[in-house]
Amino acid sequence: MTDISNTPHTDMVQDSWIDRRMPGWTRPYFKLARLDRPTGIWLLLLPCWWAIALASPTAATGIGMTVLFTIGAVVMRSAGCTVNDIIDRKIDAQVERTRGRPLPSGQIGVFGASIFLILLLLLGLGVLIQLNHLTMILGVASLLLVGVYPLMKRLTWWPQAFLGLTFNWGAIMGWSASTDRVGIGALLLYAAGFCWTMIYDTIYAHQDARDDETAGVKSTALWFGTFSRLWLIGFAVVMLALIELAGDVAGLGPIFQYMLIPIIAHLAWLVLLWKIDDPRDCLRRFQASRWTGLLVVAAFVLGRIFR
């Protein structure tokens, strides 16, 4: 887990590897893609790995799919951040944490960001055509979710739910890429990932609760309010039940059951010890959420090896 005790409350990491190693004109584009903030890549990628770990017929298939989906997750998360920032540039200018992003700060114009987005989508297409026909259709369908999600914070108190539908689509795609079908296991993982997103993104949204209220932006952080912890406990319990059921459907061995213990412990740490009104603690726990997903991957992999 990352120590952020000296990290400014901003989305722009100061003196990141981008600032140290990349040519000056490229830096705003890399930061637009949030490549200096890899947590979002992990959170998009891990549901894909869950499905691949649980559904791949052979180790070789699993390794090949893991590589393709890792590349795809980096590209599509970058594209999603670009779409989000184009649409939200005026709102971002009103929020302390986001006003330094490349678009609201004027480092990049909308035209440049749009060209960058087109290039990212072409790269994503290059990955998608390596997969089977069903997965290609599912990949194209995901673009609707990617395009709609940034609008939800204006329309509903539940934008985190739409992020959950978007970010966990990879569980269905990873399953279909491995098996050429969408099985019950894929739907269980998709639902579990949805609950996971509700946990980490509600925690994340609490960083901006005051600014969002001023800007007229909606979120589950504002909707749940002081009851946020209770809501997240509920989502954690449902997530664990769905992960357990997915493992049972796949016929995993007893090691899988033991591996649920560290998952439970990590979720308990995330939610029960969370300082709701401390933005730094919210960011810390959001960043640490990737470990929940990695523990699920480990549970599925070891459960399959030691059936």
C-alpha atoms as a PDB file:
ATOM      1  CA  MET A   1       0.000   0.000   0.000  1.00  0.00           C
ATOM      2  CA  THR A   2       1.187   3.488  -0.871  1.00  0.00           C
ATOM      3  CA  ASP A   3       2.198   6.004   1.753  1.00  0.00           C
ATOM      4  CA  ILE A   4       0.555   9.245   0.657  1.00  0.00           C
ATOM      5  CA  SER A   5       1.217  11.234   3.806  1.00  0.00           C
ATOM      6  CA  ASN A   6       3.157  13.815   1.812  1.00  0.00           C
ATOM      7  CA  THR A   7       1.061  13.654  -1.351  1.00  0.00           C
ATOM      8  CA  PRO A   8      -0.910  16.819  -2.284  1.00  0.00           C
ATOM      9  CA  HIS A   9      -4.683  16.437  -2.505  1.00  0.00           C
ATOM     10  CA  THR A  10      -4.697  16.569  -6.295  1.00  0.00           C
ATOM     11  CA  ASP A  11      -5.098  14.216  -9.222  1.00  0.00           C
ATOM     12  CA  MET A  12      -1.784  15.329 -10.709  1.00  0.00           C
ATOM     13  CA  VAL A  13       1.123  13.418  -9.170  1.00  0.00           C
ATOM     14  CA  GLN A  14       4.064  15.794  -8.772  1.00  0.00           C
ATOM     15  CA  ASP A  15       7.443  14.695 -10.167  1.00  0.00           C
ATOM     16  CA  SER A  16       6.098  11.413 -11.496  1.00  0.00           C
ATOM     17  CA  TRP A  17       7.975   9.170 -13.929  1.00  0.00           C
ATOM     18  CA  ILE A  18       6.217  11.108 -16.703  1.00  0.00           C
ATOM     19  CA  ASP A  19       7.835  14.369 -15.577  1.00  0.00           C
ATOM     20  CA  ARG A  20      11.242  12.747 -15.193  1.00  0.00           C
ATOM     21  CA  ARG A  21      11.443  10.606 -18.336  1.00  0.00           C
ATOM     22  CA  MET A  22       9.038  11.757 -21.043  1.00  0.00           C
ATOM     23  CA  PRO A  23       9.548  14.608 -23.566  1.00  0.00           C
ATOM     24  CA  GLY A  24       7.819  17.804 -22.498  1.00  0.00           C
ATOM     25  CA  TRP A  25       5.164  17.891 -25.236  1.00  0.00           C
ATOM     26  CA  THR A  26       4.004  14.327 -24.438  1.00  0.00           C
ATOM     27  CA  ARG A  27       3.548  14.811 -20.700  1.00  0.00           C
ATOM     28  CA  PRO A  28       0.023  16.307 -20.743  1.00  0.00           C
ATOM     29  CA  TYR A  29      -1.198  13.397 -22.900  1.00  0.00           C
ATOM     30  CA  PHE A  30       0.293  10.767 -20.609  1.00  0.00           C
ATOM     31  CA  LYS A  31      -1.314  12.555 -17.667  1.00  0.00           C
ATOM     32  CA  LEU A  32      -4.620  12.819 -19.532  1.00  0.00           C
ATOM     33  CA  ALA A  33      -4.437   9.020 -19.801  1.00  0.00           C
ATOM     34  CA  ARG A  34      -3.635   8.880 -16.017  1.00  0.00           C
ATOM     35  CA  LEU A  35      -0.607   6.686 -16.698  1.00  0.00           C
ATOM     36  CA  ASP A  36       0.993   8.224 -13.623  1.00  0.00           C
ATOM     37  CA  ARG A  37      -1.959   6.899 -11.600  1.00  0.00           C
ATOM     38  CA  PRO A  38      -2.068   3.128 -12.267  1.00  0.00           C
ATOM     39  CA  THR A  39      -4.712   2.211  -9.669  1.00  0.00           C
ATOM     40  CA  GLY A  40      -7.500   2.672 -12.219  1.00  0.00           C
ATOM     41  CA  ILE A  41      -5.741   0.310 -14.623  1.00  0.00           C
ATOM     42  CA  TRP A  42      -5.609  -2.366 -11.942  1.00  0.00           C
ATOM     43  CA  LEU A  43      -9.272  -1.909 -11.066  1.00  0.00           C
ATOM     44  CA  LEU A  44     -10.288  -2.261 -14.725  1.00  0.00           C
ATOM     45  CA  LEU A  45      -7.930  -5.162 -15.386  1.00  0.00           C
ATOM     46  CA  LEU A  46      -8.512  -7.374 -12.363  1.00  0.00           C
ATOM     47  CA  PRO A  47     -12.091  -8.495 -13.203  1.00  0.00           C
ATOM     48  CA  CYS A  48     -10.665  -9.636 -16.560  1.00  0.00           C
ATOM     49  CA  TRP A  49      -8.045 -11.661 -14.716  1.00  0.00           C
ATOM     50  CA  TRP A  50     -10.711 -13.134 -12.431  1.00  0.00           C
ATOM     51  CA  ALA A  51     -12.567 -14.513 -15.428  1.00  0.00           C
ATOM     52  CA  ILE A  52      -9.431 -15.732 -17.188  1.00  0.00           C
ATOM     53  CA  ALA A  53      -8.190 -17.446 -14.018  1.00  0.00           C
ATOM     54  CA  LEU A  54     -11.510 -19.198 -13.511  1.00  0.00           C
ATOM     55  CA  ALA A  55     -12.455 -20.051 -17.125  1.00  0.00           C
ATOM     56  CA  SER A  56      -9.284 -20.617 -19.193  1.00  0.00           C
ATOM     57  CA  PRO A  57      -9.157 -24.240 -20.381  1.00  0.00           C
ATOM     58  CA  THR A  58      -5.333 -24.375 -20.305  1.00  0.00           C
ATOM     59  CA  ALA A  59      -2.470 -22.456 -18.730  1.00  0.00           C
ATOM     60  CA  ALA A  60      -1.203 -21.424 -22.167  1.00  0.00           C
ATOM     61  CA  THR A  61      -4.602 -19.971 -23.073  1.00  0.00           C
ATOM     62  CA  GLY A  62      -4.706 -18.152 -19.764  1.00  0.00           C
ATOM     63  CA  ILE A  63      -1.278 -16.580 -20.234  1.00  0.00           C
ATOM     64  CA  GLY A  64      -2.090 -15.423 -23.771  1.00  0.00           C
ATOM     65  CA  MET A  65      -5.382 -13.897 -22.698  1.00  0.00           C
ATOM     66  CA  THR A  66      -3.757 -12.250 -19.696  1.00  0.00           C
ATOM     67  CA  VAL A  67      -1.275 -10.441 -21.947  1.00  0.00           C
ATOM     68  CA  LEU A  68      -3.947  -9.262 -24.401  1.00  0.00           C
ATOM     69  CA  PHE A  69      -6.332  -8.078 -21.696  1.00  0.00           C
ATOM     70  CA  THR A  70      -3.533  -6.285 -19.848  1.00  0.00           C
ATOM     71  CA  ILE A  71      -2.697  -4.278 -22.966  1.00  0.00           C
ATOM     72  CA  GLY A  72      -6.391  -3.691 -23.614  1.00  0.00           C
ATOM     73  CA  ALA A  73      -7.012  -2.496 -20.052  1.00  0.00           C
ATOM     74  CA  VAL A  74      -4.206   0.083 -20.228  1.00  0.00           C
ATOM     75  CA  VAL A  75      -5.473   1.412 -23.562  1.00  0.00           C
ATOM     76  CA  MET A  76      -9.176   1.469 -22.710  1.00  0.00           C
ATOM     77  CA  ARG A  77      -8.707   2.953 -19.249  1.00  0.00           C
ATOM     78  CA  SER A  78      -6.707   5.716 -20.938  1.00  0.00           C
ATOM     79  CA  ALA A  79      -9.517   6.199 -23.458  1.00  0.00           C
ATOM     80  CA  GLY A  80     -12.121   6.268 -20.690  1.00  0.00           C
ATOM     81  CA  CYS A  81     -10.179   8.914 -18.754  1.00  0.00           C
ATOM     82  CA  THR A  82      -9.887  10.994 -21.925  1.00  0.00           C
ATOM     83  CA  VAL A  83     -13.634  10.813 -22.626  1.00  0.00           C
ATOM     84  CA  ASN A  84     -14.377  11.640 -18.999  1.00  0.00           C
ATOM     85  CA  ASP A  85     -12.079  14.672 -18.998  1.00  0.00           C
ATOM     86  CA  ILE A  86     -13.400  16.040 -22.287  1.00  0.00           C
ATOM     87  CA  ILE A  87     -16.958  15.917 -20.968  1.00  0.00           C
ATOM     88  CA  ASP A  88     -16.127  17.044 -17.410  1.00  0.00           C
ATOM     89  CA  ARG A  89     -13.521  19.725 -18.130  1.00  0.00           C
ATOM     90  CA  LYS A  90     -15.728  22.570 -16.822  1.00  0.00           C
ATOM     91  CA  ILE A  91     -16.719  20.688 -13.677  1.00  0.00           C
ATOM     92  CA  ASP A  92     -13.106  19.622 -13.078  1.00  0.00           C
ATOM     93  CA  ALA A  93     -12.075  23.288 -13.114  1.00  0.00           C
ATOM     94  CA  GLN A  94     -14.316  23.842 -10.053  1.00  0.00           C
ATOM     95  CA  VAL A  95     -12.932  20.942  -7.986  1.00  0.00           C
ATOM     96  CA  GLU A  96      -9.683  21.385  -6.075  1.00  0.00           C
ATOM     97  CA  ARG A  97      -8.446  17.838  -6.751  1.00  0.00           C
ATOM     98  CA  THR A  98      -9.054  17.959 -10.513  1.00  0.00           C
ATOM     99  CA  ARG A  99      -8.454  21.548 -11.620  1.00  0.00           C
ATOM    100  CA  GLY A 100      -4.809  20.759 -12.444  1.00  0.00           C
ATOM    101  CA  ARG A 101      -5.718  18.089 -15.018  1.00  0.00           C
ATOM    102  CA  PRO A 102      -4.473  18.814 -18.561  1.00  0.00           C
ATOM    103  CA  LEU A 103      -7.828  19.927 -20.015  1.00  0.00           C
ATOM    104  CA  PRO A 104      -9.186  22.247 -17.290  1.00  0.00           C
ATOM    105  CA  SER A 105      -5.705  23.721 -16.787  1.00  0.00           C
ATOM    106  CA  GLY A 106      -5.346  24.455 -20.517  1.00  0.00           C
ATOM    107  CA  GLN A 107      -2.320  22.225 -21.149  1.00  0.00           C
ATOM    108  CA  ILE A 108      -4.309  20.426 -23.890  1.00  0.00           C
ATOM    109  CA  GLY A 109      -7.238  21.611 -26.003  1.00  0.00           C
ATOM    110  CA  VAL A 110     -10.359  19.606 -26.810  1.00  0.00           C
ATOM    111  CA  PHE A 111      -9.159  19.021 -30.380  1.00  0.00           C
ATOM    112  CA  GLY A 112      -5.848  17.547 -29.245  1.00  0.00           C
ATOM    113  CA  ALA A 113      -7.593  15.369 -26.662  1.00  0.00           C
ATOM    114  CA  SER A 114     -10.035  14.139 -29.326  1.00  0.00           C
ATOM    115  CA  ILE A 115      -7.205  13.114 -31.675  1.00  0.00           C
ATOM    116  CA  PHE A 116      -5.523  11.335 -28.773  1.00  0.00           C
ATOM    117  CA  LEU A 117      -8.791   9.514 -28.035  1.00  0.00           C
ATOM    118  CA  ILE A 118      -9.086   8.334 -31.652  1.00  0.00           C
ATOM    119  CA  LEU A 119      -5.545   6.925 -31.521  1.00  0.00           C
ATOM    120  CA  LEU A 120      -6.328   5.075 -28.282  1.00  0.00           C
ATOM    121  CA  LEU A 121      -9.502   3.577 -29.752  1.00  0.00           C
ATOM    122  CA  LEU A 122      -7.560   2.373 -32.788  1.00  0.00           C
ATOM    123  CA  LEU A 123      -5.056   0.679 -30.480  1.00  0.00           C
ATOM    124  CA  GLY A 124      -7.938  -0.894 -28.576  1.00  0.00           C
ATOM    125  CA  LEU A 125      -9.398  -2.164 -31.839  1.00  0.00           C
ATOM    126  CA  GLY A 126      -6.046  -3.755 -32.646  1.00  0.00           C
ATOM    127  CA  VAL A 127      -6.256  -5.776 -29.437  1.00  0.00           C
ATOM    128  CA  LEU A 128      -9.945  -6.607 -29.865  1.00  0.00           C
ATOM    129  CA  ILE A 129      -9.549  -8.184 -33.301  1.00  0.00           C
ATOM    130  CA  GLN A 130      -7.177 -10.739 -31.769  1.00  0.00           C
ATOM    131  CA  LEU A 131     -10.130 -12.222 -29.853  1.00  0.00           C
ATOM    132  CA  ASN A 132     -13.062 -14.403 -30.896  1.00  0.00           C
ATOM    133  CA  HIS A 133     -16.186 -13.057 -32.577  1.00  0.00           C
ATOM    134  CA  LEU A 134     -18.366 -13.025 -29.451  1.00  0.00           C
ATOM    135  CA  THR A 135     -15.762 -11.128 -27.485  1.00  0.00           C
ATOM    136  CA  MET A 136     -15.369  -8.602 -30.295  1.00  0.00           C
ATOM    137  CA  ILE A 137     -19.119  -7.910 -30.163  1.00  0.00           C
ATOM    138  CA  LEU A 138     -18.975  -7.527 -26.382  1.00  0.00           C
ATOM    139  CA  GLY A 139     -15.999  -5.173 -26.718  1.00  0.00           C
ATOM    140  CA  VAL A 140     -17.841  -2.911 -29.144  1.00  0.00           C
ATOM    141  CA  ALA A 141     -20.892  -2.957 -26.862  1.00  0.00           C
ATOM    142  CA  SER A 142     -18.729  -1.757 -23.972  1.00  0.00           C
ATOM    143  CA  LEU A 143     -18.120   1.539 -25.787  1.00  0.00           C
ATOM    144  CA  LEU A 144     -21.721   2.528 -25.034  1.00  0.00           C
ATOM    145  CA  LEU A 145     -21.020   2.183 -21.305  1.00  0.00           C
ATOM    146  CA  VAL A 146     -17.728   4.078 -21.641  1.00  0.00           C
ATOM    147  CA  GLY A 147     -19.479   6.931 -23.437  1.00  0.00           C
ATOM    148  CA  VAL A 148     -22.488   7.151 -21.108  1.00  0.00           C
ATOM    149  CA  TYR A 149     -20.741   6.875 -17.744  1.00  0.00           C
ATOM    150  CA  PRO A 150     -19.300  10.437 -17.572  1.00  0.00           C
ATOM    151  CA  LEU A 151     -22.810  11.868 -17.953  1.00  0.00           C
ATOM    152  CA  MET A 152     -24.254   9.963 -15.012  1.00  0.00           C
ATOM    153  CA  LYS A 153     -22.941  12.265 -12.275  1.00  0.00           C
ATOM    154  CA  ARG A 154     -25.255  14.929 -13.691  1.00  0.00           C
ATOM    155  CA  LEU A 155     -28.291  12.656 -13.892  1.00  0.00           C
ATOM    156  CA  THR A 156     -28.264  10.278 -10.933  1.00  0.00           C
ATOM    157  CA  TRP A 157     -27.011   9.943  -7.381  1.00  0.00           C
ATOM    158  CA  TRP A 158     -25.613   6.553  -8.444  1.00  0.00           C
ATOM    159  CA  PRO A 159     -22.808   7.262 -10.967  1.00  0.00           C
ATOM    160  CA  GLN A 160     -20.717   4.693  -9.090  1.00  0.00           C
ATOM    161  CA  ALA A 161     -23.222   2.038 -10.186  1.00  0.00           C
ATOM    162  CA  PHE A 162     -22.677   2.956 -13.820  1.00  0.00           C
ATOM    163  CA  LEU A 163     -18.923   2.819 -13.265  1.00  0.00           C
ATOM    164  CA  GLY A 164     -19.450  -0.668 -11.837  1.00  0.00           C
ATOM    165  CA  LEU A 165     -21.324  -1.746 -14.955  1.00  0.00           C
ATOM    166  CA  THR A 166     -18.531  -0.296 -17.116  1.00  0.00           C
ATOM    167  CA  PHE A 167     -15.376  -1.286 -15.259  1.00  0.00           C
ATOM    168  CA  ASN A 168     -16.410  -4.907 -14.716  1.00  0.00           C
ATOM    169  CA  TRP A 169     -17.485  -5.634 -18.291  1.00  0.00           C
ATOM    170  CA  GLY A 170     -14.040  -7.201 -18.653  1.00  0.00           C
ATOM    171  CA  ALA A 171     -15.197 -10.124 -16.497  1.00  0.00           C
ATOM    172  CA  ILE A 172     -17.727 -11.056 -19.168  1.00  0.00           C
ATOM    173  CA  MET A 173     -15.223 -10.429 -21.984  1.00  0.00           C
ATOM    174  CA  GLY A 174     -12.473 -12.419 -20.257  1.00  0.00           C
ATOM    175  CA  TRP A 175     -14.842 -15.352 -19.844  1.00  0.00           C
ATOM    176  CA  SER A 176     -16.070 -15.247 -23.431  1.00  0.00           C
ATOM    177  CA  ALA A 177     -12.511 -14.892 -24.766  1.00  0.00           C
ATOM    178  CA  SER A 178     -11.514 -18.027 -22.829  1.00  0.00           C
ATOM    179  CA  THR A 179     -14.583 -20.171 -23.544  1.00  0.00           C
ATOM    180  CA  ASP A 180     -16.357 -18.571 -26.554  1.00  0.00           C
ATOM    181  CA  ARG A 181     -19.525 -18.226 -24.487  1.00  0.00           C
ATOM    182  CA  VAL A 182     -20.918 -16.305 -21.526  1.00  0.00           C
ATOM    183  CA  GLY A 183     -21.531 -18.683 -18.645  1.00  0.00           C
ATOM    184  CA  ILE A 184     -23.102 -18.293 -15.228  1.00  0.00           C
ATOM    185  CA  GLY A 185     -19.625 -17.847 -13.798  1.00  0.00           C
ATOM    186  CA  ALA A 186     -19.114 -14.727 -15.905  1.00  0.00           C
ATOM    187  CA  LEU A 187     -22.335 -13.184 -14.599  1.00  0.00           C
ATOM    188  CA  LEU A 188     -21.422 -13.990 -10.990  1.00  0.00           C
ATOM    189  CA  LEU A 189     -18.035 -12.336 -11.426  1.00  0.00           C
ATOM    190  CA  TYR A 190     -19.617  -9.327 -13.122  1.00  0.00           C
ATOM    191  CA  ALA A 191     -22.005  -8.892 -10.190  1.00  0.00           C
ATOM    192  CA  ALA A 192     -19.194  -9.370  -7.655  1.00  0.00           C
ATOM    193  CA  GLY A 193     -17.101  -6.776  -9.467  1.00  0.00           C
ATOM    194  CA  PHE A 194     -20.049  -4.387  -9.463  1.00  0.00           C
ATOM    195  CA  CYS A 195     -20.232  -4.620  -5.655  1.00  0.00           C
ATOM    196  CA  TRP A 196     -16.464  -4.154  -5.428  1.00  0.00           C
ATOM    197  CA  THR A 197     -16.675  -0.982  -7.517  1.00  0.00           C
ATOM    198  CA  MET A 198     -19.437   0.375  -5.311  1.00  0.00           C
ATOM    199  CA  ILE A 199     -17.038  -0.018  -2.376  1.00  0.00           C
ATOM    200  CA  TYR A 200     -13.889   1.536  -3.778  1.00  0.00           C
ATOM    201  CA  ASP A 201     -15.521   4.272  -5.830  1.00  0.00           C
ATOM    202  CA  THR A 202     -17.780   5.434  -3.017  1.00  0.00           C
ATOM    203  CA  ILE A 203     -14.660   5.686  -0.847  1.00  0.00           C
ATOM    204  CA  TYR A 204     -12.977   7.620  -3.661  1.00  0.00           C
ATOM    205  CA  ALA A 205     -15.980   9.938  -4.083  1.00  0.00           C
ATOM    206  CA  HIS A 206     -15.824  10.979  -0.434  1.00  0.00           C
ATOM    207  CA  GLN A 207     -12.643  12.937  -1.279  1.00  0.00           C
ATOM    208  CA  ASP A 208     -14.722  15.369  -3.322  1.00  0.00           C
ATOM    209  CA  ALA A 209     -18.001  15.355  -1.414  1.00  0.00           C
ATOM    210  CA  ARG A 210     -17.897  19.045  -0.477  1.00  0.00           C
ATOM    211  CA  ASP A 211     -16.686  20.261  -3.870  1.00  0.00           C
ATOM    212  CA  ASP A 212     -19.193  18.004  -5.663  1.00  0.00           C
ATOM    213  CA  GLU A 213     -22.053  19.438  -3.633  1.00  0.00           C
ATOM    214  CA  THR A 214     -20.977  22.971  -4.545  1.00  0.00           C
ATOM    215  CA  ALA A 215     -20.587  22.065  -8.241  1.00  0.00           C
ATOM    216  CA  GLY A 216     -23.937  20.246  -8.364  1.00  0.00           C
ATOM    217  CA  VAL A 217     -22.316  16.861  -9.036  1.00  0.00           C
ATOM    218  CA  LYS A 218     -24.064  13.752  -7.684  1.00  0.00           C
ATOM    219  CA  SER A 219     -22.493  10.663  -6.126  1.00  0.00           C
ATOM    220  CA  THR A 220     -23.199   7.787  -3.773  1.00  0.00           C
ATOM    221  CA  ALA A 221     -20.901   9.538  -1.269  1.00  0.00           C
ATOM    222  CA  LEU A 222     -23.461  12.339  -1.029  1.00  0.00           C
ATOM    223  CA  TRP A 223     -26.473  10.016  -1.279  1.00  0.00           C
ATOM    224  CA  PHE A 224     -25.272   7.576   1.410  1.00  0.00           C
ATOM    225  CA  GLY A 225     -23.839  10.361   3.571  1.00  0.00           C
ATOM    226  CA  THR A 226     -23.151   9.295   7.136  1.00  0.00           C
ATOM    227  CA  PHE A 227     -24.500   5.810   6.351  1.00  0.00           C
ATOM    228  CA  SER A 228     -21.798   5.130   3.750  1.00  0.00           C
ATOM    229  CA  ARG A 229     -19.960   2.615   5.910  1.00  0.00           C
ATOM    230  CA  LEU A 230     -23.114   0.549   6.443  1.00  0.00           C
ATOM    231  CA  TRP A 231     -23.855   0.544   2.710  1.00  0.00           C
ATOM    232  CA  LEU A 232     -20.311  -0.586   1.934  1.00  0.00           C
ATOM    233  CA  ILE A 233     -20.469  -3.382   4.500  1.00  0.00           C
ATOM    234  CA  GLY A 234     -23.545  -4.630   2.666  1.00  0.00           C
ATOM    235  CA  PHE A 235     -21.797  -4.494  -0.717  1.00  0.00           C
ATOM    236  CA  ALA A 236     -18.785  -6.322   0.761  1.00  0.00           C
ATOM    237  CA  VAL A 237     -20.954  -9.143   2.095  1.00  0.00           C
ATOM    238  CA  VAL A 238     -22.701  -9.579  -1.257  1.00  0.00           C
ATOM    239  CA  MET A 239     -19.386  -9.454  -3.131  1.00  0.00           C
ATOM    240  CA  LEU A 240     -17.942 -12.210  -0.953  1.00  0.00           C
ATOM    241  CA  ALA A 241     -21.033 -14.367  -1.409  1.00  0.00           C
ATOM    242  CA  LEU A 242     -20.817 -14.007  -5.194  1.00  0.00           C
ATOM    243  CA  ILE A 243     -17.083 -14.822  -5.252  1.00  0.00           C
ATOM    244  CA  GLU A 244     -17.781 -17.894  -3.125  1.00  0.00           C
ATOM    245  CA  LEU A 245     -20.591 -18.971  -5.444  1.00  0.00           C
ATOM    246  CA  ALA A 246     -18.444 -18.459  -8.552  1.00  0.00           C
ATOM    247  CA  GLY A 247     -15.746 -20.661  -7.043  1.00  0.00           C
ATOM    248  CA  ASP A 248     -18.281 -23.331  -6.134  1.00  0.00           C
ATOM    249  CA  VAL A 249     -19.763 -23.314  -9.650  1.00  0.00           C
ATOM    250  CA  ALA A 250     -16.241 -23.796 -11.056  1.00  0.00           C
ATOM    251  CA  GLY A 251     -15.619 -26.700  -8.679  1.00  0.00           C
ATOM    252  CA  LEU A 252     -12.617 -25.154  -6.926  1.00  0.00           C
ATOM    253  CA  GLY A 253     -10.898 -27.014  -4.136  1.00  0.00           C
ATOM    254  CA  PRO A 254     -10.618 -26.344  -0.387  1.00  0.00           C
ATOM    255  CA  ILE A 255      -7.610 -24.022  -0.847  1.00  0.00           C
ATOM    256  CA  PHE A 256     -10.019 -21.584  -2.468  1.00  0.00           C
ATOM    257  CA  GLN A 257     -12.111 -21.533   0.703  1.00  0.00           C
ATOM    258  CA  TYR A 258      -9.049 -20.761   2.842  1.00  0.00           C
ATOM    259  CA  MET A 259      -8.044 -17.983   0.423  1.00  0.00           C
ATOM    260  CA  LEU A 260     -11.318 -16.219   1.156  1.00  0.00           C
ATOM    261  CA  ILE A 261     -10.002 -15.388   4.633  1.00  0.00           C
ATOM    262  CA  PRO A 262      -7.430 -12.771   3.514  1.00  0.00           C
ATOM    263  CA  ILE A 263     -10.031 -11.312   1.138  1.00  0.00           C
ATOM    264  CA  ILE A 264     -12.447 -10.895   4.052  1.00  0.00           C
ATOM    265  CA  ALA A 265      -9.680  -9.402   6.205  1.00  0.00           C
ATOM    266  CA  HIS A 266      -8.693  -6.874   3.548  1.00  0.00           C
ATOM    267  CA  LEU A 267     -12.273  -5.777   2.899  1.00  0.00           C
ATOM    268  CA  ALA A 268     -12.785  -5.397   6.649  1.00  0.00           C
ATOM    269  CA  TRP A 269      -9.694  -3.177   6.848  1.00  0.00           C
ATOM    270  CA  LEU A 270     -10.896  -1.093   3.891  1.00  0.00           C
ATOM    271  CA  VAL A 271     -14.375  -0.427   5.215  1.00  0.00           C
ATOM    272  CA  LEU A 272     -14.324  -0.734   9.009  1.00  0.00           C
ATOM    273  CA  LEU A 273     -11.195   1.370   9.622  1.00  0.00           C
ATOM    274  CA  TRP A 274     -11.959   3.926   6.913  1.00  0.00           C
ATOM    275  CA  LYS A 275     -11.838   7.582   8.006  1.00  0.00           C
ATOM    276  CA  ILE A 276     -14.748   8.890   5.968  1.00  0.00           C
ATOM    277  CA  ASP A 277     -13.988  12.590   6.371  1.00  0.00           C
ATOM    278  CA  ASP A 278     -10.236  12.314   5.673  1.00  0.00           C
ATOM    279  CA  PRO A 279      -9.510  12.761   1.922  1.00  0.00           C
ATOM    280  CA  ARG A 280      -6.016  11.322   2.274  1.00  0.00           C
ATOM    281  CA  ASP A 281      -7.342   8.186   3.942  1.00  0.00           C
ATOM    282  CA  CYS A 282     -10.011   7.877   1.218  1.00  0.00           C
ATOM    283  CA  LEU A 283      -7.305   7.989  -1.454  1.00  0.00           C
ATOM    284  CA  ARG A 284      -5.137   5.535   0.451  1.00  0.00           C
ATOM    285  CA  ARG A 285      -7.934   2.976   0.700  1.00  0.00           C
ATOM    286  CA  PHE A 286      -8.978   3.499  -2.905  1.00  0.00           C
ATOM    287  CA  GLN A 287      -5.405   2.788  -4.016  1.00  0.00           C
ATOM    288  CA  ALA A 288      -5.227  -0.242  -1.701  1.00  0.00           C
ATOM    289  CA  SER A 289      -8.400  -1.701  -3.229  1.00  0.00           C
ATOM    290  CA  ARG A 290      -6.337  -3.332  -5.978  1.00  0.00           C
ATOM    291  CA  TRP A 291      -5.085  -5.776  -3.344  1.00  0.00           C
ATOM    292  CA  THR A 292      -8.637  -7.042  -2.876  1.00  0.00           C
ATOM    293  CA  GLY A 293      -8.783  -7.861  -6.581  1.00  0.00           C
ATOM    294  CA  LEU A 294      -5.339  -9.473  -6.578  1.00  0.00           C
ATOM    295  CA  LEU A 295      -6.325 -11.654  -3.616  1.00  0.00           C
ATOM    296  CA  VAL A 296      -9.361 -12.843  -5.604  1.00  0.00           C
ATOM    297  CA  VAL A 297      -7.079 -13.736  -8.533  1.00  0.00           C
ATOM    298  CA  ALA A 298      -4.827 -15.688  -6.173  1.00  0.00           C
ATOM    299  CA  ALA A 299      -7.825 -17.518  -4.683  1.00  0.00           C
ATOM    300  CA  PHE A 300      -9.053 -18.607  -8.128  1.00  0.00           C
ATOM    301  CA  VAL A 301      -5.611 -19.635  -9.393  1.00  0.00           C
ATOM    302  CA  LEU A 302      -4.707 -21.649  -6.289  1.00  0.00           C
ATOM    303  CA  GLY A 303      -8.210 -23.087  -6.125  1.00  0.00           C
ATOM    304  CA  ARG A 304      -7.832 -24.430  -9.665  1.00  0.00           C
ATOM    305  CA  ILE A 305      -4.317 -25.783  -9.080  1.00  0.00           C
ATOM    306  CA  PHE A 306      -5.219 -27.549  -5.828  1.00  0.00           C
ATOM    307  CA  ARG A 307      -8.697 -28.844  -6.606  1.00  0.00           C
END
